């Protein structure tokens, strides 16, 4: 007797948050000068993600803040 396993594809919202996570991870390795040049545009968007309920996104955001914003602190 064979058993068939049906796997439901991830919802679009899951893919949506996964994309955010990948972008944030990439921004962690972005050239610091380029990041600083665009910080005025990035900052409002990044601060909205602080309240995100997706732990993977918040973890990637924390890594980004640690990598990029630490250099801006005295």
N, C-alpha and C. Protein backbone atom coordinates (compact mmCIF):
# COMPACT_ATOMS: atom_id res chain seq x y z
N UNK A 1 0.84 -1.17 0.00
CA UNK A 1 0.00 0.00 0.00
C UNK A 1 0.89 1.24 0.00
N UNK A 2 0.64 2.17 -0.89
CA UNK A 2 1.44 3.39 -0.95
C UNK A 2 0.71 4.53 -0.24
N UNK A 3 1.50 5.41 0.31
CA UNK A 3 0.94 6.57 1.00
C UNK A 3 1.36 7.80 0.23
N UNK A 4 0.42 8.66 -0.02
CA UNK A 4 0.70 9.90 -0.73
C UNK A 4 0.66 11.04 0.28
N UNK A 5 1.68 11.85 0.24
CA UNK A 5 1.76 13.00 1.13
C UNK A 5 1.51 14.25 0.32
N UNK A 6 0.52 15.00 0.72
CA UNK A 6 0.21 16.26 0.05
C UNK A 6 0.81 17.38 0.87
N UNK A 7 1.67 18.13 0.22
CA UNK A 7 2.30 19.27 0.89
C UNK A 7 1.71 20.54 0.32
N UNK A 8 1.19 21.34 1.20
CA UNK A 8 0.60 22.60 0.76
C UNK A 8 1.71 23.61 0.50
N UNK A 9 1.71 24.26 -0.66
CA UNK A 9 2.74 25.27 -0.93
C UNK A 9 2.61 26.42 0.06
N UNK A 10 3.71 27.08 0.37
CA UNK A 10 3.62 28.20 1.32
C UNK A 10 2.71 29.28 0.78
N UNK A 11 2.03 29.92 1.69
CA UNK A 11 1.12 31.00 1.28
C UNK A 11 1.94 32.18 0.78
N UNK A 12 1.27 33.06 0.09
CA UNK A 12 1.97 34.22 -0.45
C UNK A 12 2.52 35.08 0.69
N UNK A 13 1.83 35.09 1.84
CA UNK A 13 2.34 35.89 2.95
C UNK A 13 3.64 35.30 3.48
N UNK A 14 3.76 33.96 3.48
CA UNK A 14 5.01 33.33 3.91
C UNK A 14 6.13 33.71 2.96
N UNK A 15 5.86 33.65 1.66
CA UNK A 15 6.88 34.05 0.68
C UNK A 15 7.22 35.52 0.83
N UNK A 16 6.23 36.31 1.15
CA UNK A 16 6.42 37.74 1.34
C UNK A 16 7.40 37.99 2.48
N UNK A 17 7.19 37.36 3.62
CA UNK A 17 8.08 37.56 4.78
C UNK A 17 9.45 36.95 4.52
N UNK A 18 9.49 35.84 3.80
CA UNK A 18 10.77 35.23 3.47
C UNK A 18 11.60 36.16 2.59
N UNK A 19 10.95 36.86 1.69
CA UNK A 19 11.64 37.82 0.84
C UNK A 19 12.20 38.96 1.68
N UNK A 20 11.40 39.48 2.62
CA UNK A 20 11.88 40.53 3.52
C UNK A 20 13.12 40.05 4.27
N UNK A 21 13.08 38.83 4.76
CA UNK A 21 14.22 38.29 5.51
C UNK A 21 15.46 38.24 4.64
N UNK A 22 15.34 37.78 3.42
CA UNK A 22 16.50 37.69 2.52
C UNK A 22 17.06 39.07 2.18
N UNK A 23 16.17 40.03 1.97
CA UNK A 23 16.63 41.40 1.66
C UNK A 23 17.38 41.98 2.85
N UNK A 24 16.83 41.80 4.06
CA UNK A 24 17.50 42.31 5.26
C UNK A 24 18.86 41.65 5.46
N UNK A 25 18.94 40.35 5.23
CA UNK A 25 20.21 39.65 5.35
C UNK A 25 21.22 40.20 4.35
N UNK A 26 20.77 40.46 3.14
CA UNK A 26 21.67 41.02 2.12
C UNK A 26 22.14 42.42 2.50
N UNK A 27 21.25 43.20 3.08
CA UNK A 27 21.61 44.56 3.48
C UNK A 27 22.64 44.56 4.60
N UNK A 28 22.69 43.48 5.38
CA UNK A 28 23.70 43.37 6.44
C UNK A 28 25.11 43.35 5.87
N UNK A 29 25.25 42.85 4.65
CA UNK A 29 26.56 42.73 4.02
C UNK A 29 26.81 43.82 2.99
N UNK A 30 25.90 44.76 2.91
CA UNK A 30 26.01 45.86 1.97
C UNK A 30 27.18 46.76 2.35
N UNK A 31 27.79 47.37 1.37
CA UNK A 31 28.86 48.33 1.63
C UNK A 31 28.33 49.40 2.59
N UNK A 32 29.07 49.65 3.68
CA UNK A 32 28.62 50.55 4.73
C UNK A 32 28.41 51.97 4.22
N UNK A 33 29.24 52.43 3.31
CA UNK A 33 29.09 53.78 2.77
C UNK A 33 27.81 53.91 1.95
N UNK A 34 27.49 52.90 1.19
CA UNK A 34 26.25 52.91 0.40
C UNK A 34 25.05 52.86 1.34
N UNK A 35 25.14 52.01 2.37
CA UNK A 35 24.04 51.93 3.34
C UNK A 35 23.80 53.29 3.99
N UNK A 36 24.87 53.94 4.42
CA UNK A 36 24.73 55.26 5.07
C UNK A 36 24.12 56.30 4.13
N UNK A 37 24.52 56.23 2.86
CA UNK A 37 24.02 57.19 1.88
C UNK A 37 22.49 57.07 1.74
N UNK A 38 21.96 55.87 1.92
CA UNK A 38 20.52 55.63 1.75
C UNK A 38 19.79 55.45 3.08
N UNK A 39 20.46 55.70 4.18
CA UNK A 39 19.85 55.49 5.50
C UNK A 39 18.59 56.32 5.69
N UNK A 40 18.56 57.51 5.15
CA UNK A 40 17.37 58.36 5.29
C UNK A 40 16.13 57.69 4.70
N UNK A 41 16.30 56.96 3.60
CA UNK A 41 15.17 56.24 2.99
C UNK A 41 14.90 54.93 3.71
N UNK A 42 15.97 54.24 4.15
CA UNK A 42 15.81 52.93 4.79
C UNK A 42 15.20 53.02 6.19
N UNK A 43 15.62 54.00 6.95
CA UNK A 43 15.31 54.01 8.39
C UNK A 43 13.82 53.94 8.71
N UNK A 44 12.96 54.75 8.09
CA UNK A 44 11.53 54.64 8.43
C UNK A 44 10.95 53.26 8.13
N UNK A 45 11.42 52.65 7.04
CA UNK A 45 10.92 51.33 6.68
C UNK A 45 11.42 50.26 7.64
N UNK A 46 12.68 50.37 8.02
CA UNK A 46 13.26 49.39 8.94
C UNK A 46 12.64 49.48 10.33
N UNK A 47 12.36 50.69 10.80
CA UNK A 47 11.78 50.82 12.13
C UNK A 47 10.36 50.27 12.19
N UNK A 48 9.65 50.28 11.08
CA UNK A 48 8.31 49.67 11.05
C UNK A 48 8.39 48.15 11.20
N UNK A 49 9.48 47.56 10.75
CA UNK A 49 9.63 46.11 10.85
C UNK A 49 9.99 45.64 12.26
N UNK A 50 10.36 46.55 13.15
CA UNK A 50 10.70 46.18 14.52
C UNK A 50 9.51 45.50 15.20
N UNK A 51 8.31 45.94 14.87
CA UNK A 51 7.10 45.38 15.49
C UNK A 51 6.54 44.17 14.73
N UNK A 52 7.24 43.69 13.74
CA UNK A 52 6.80 42.55 12.94
C UNK A 52 6.67 41.31 13.83
N UNK A 53 5.66 40.50 13.59
CA UNK A 53 5.48 39.30 14.40
C UNK A 53 6.25 38.10 13.87
N UNK A 54 6.94 38.25 12.77
CA UNK A 54 7.75 37.17 12.19
C UNK A 54 9.15 37.18 12.81
N UNK A 55 9.45 36.16 13.60
CA UNK A 55 10.73 36.14 14.32
C UNK A 55 11.93 36.09 13.38
N UNK A 56 11.81 35.43 12.25
CA UNK A 56 12.93 35.37 11.30
C UNK A 56 13.25 36.76 10.75
N UNK A 57 12.22 37.53 10.47
CA UNK A 57 12.41 38.89 9.95
C UNK A 57 13.02 39.76 11.04
N UNK A 58 12.52 39.65 12.27
CA UNK A 58 13.08 40.45 13.36
C UNK A 58 14.52 40.06 13.66
N UNK A 59 14.85 38.78 13.53
CA UNK A 59 16.24 38.35 13.72
C UNK A 59 17.15 38.93 12.66
N UNK A 60 16.70 38.90 11.41
CA UNK A 60 17.48 39.48 10.31
C UNK A 60 17.61 40.99 10.49
N UNK A 61 16.57 41.62 10.99
CA UNK A 61 16.62 43.06 11.25
C UNK A 61 17.62 43.38 12.35
N UNK A 62 17.64 42.57 13.40
CA UNK A 62 18.62 42.76 14.47
C UNK A 62 20.05 42.61 13.97
N UNK A 63 20.27 41.61 13.11
CA UNK A 63 21.60 41.43 12.52
C UNK A 63 21.99 42.63 11.67
N UNK A 64 21.02 43.16 10.92
CA UNK A 64 21.27 44.34 10.10
C UNK A 64 21.63 45.54 10.96
N UNK A 65 20.87 45.78 12.02
CA UNK A 65 21.17 46.90 12.91
C UNK A 65 22.54 46.74 13.54
N UNK A 66 22.86 45.53 13.94
CA UNK A 66 24.17 45.30 14.57
C UNK A 66 25.30 45.53 13.57
N UNK A 67 25.11 45.07 12.34
CA UNK A 67 26.18 45.19 11.35
C UNK A 67 26.34 46.60 10.80
N UNK A 68 25.23 47.27 10.53
CA UNK A 68 25.30 48.55 9.83
C UNK A 68 25.22 49.77 10.76
N UNK A 69 24.39 49.70 11.78
CA UNK A 69 24.18 50.89 12.61
C UNK A 69 25.18 51.01 13.75
N UNK A 70 25.82 49.92 14.10
CA UNK A 70 26.81 49.96 15.17
C UNK A 70 27.95 50.93 14.81
N UNK A 71 28.29 50.99 13.55
CA UNK A 71 29.37 51.86 13.09
C UNK A 71 28.99 53.34 13.23
N UNK A 72 27.70 53.64 13.30
CA UNK A 72 27.26 55.03 13.41
C UNK A 72 27.25 55.54 14.85
N UNK A 73 27.31 54.61 15.82
CA UNK A 73 27.28 55.01 17.23
C UNK A 73 28.65 55.48 17.69
N UNK A 74 28.68 56.47 18.61
CA UNK A 74 29.98 56.97 19.09
C UNK A 74 30.70 55.95 19.97
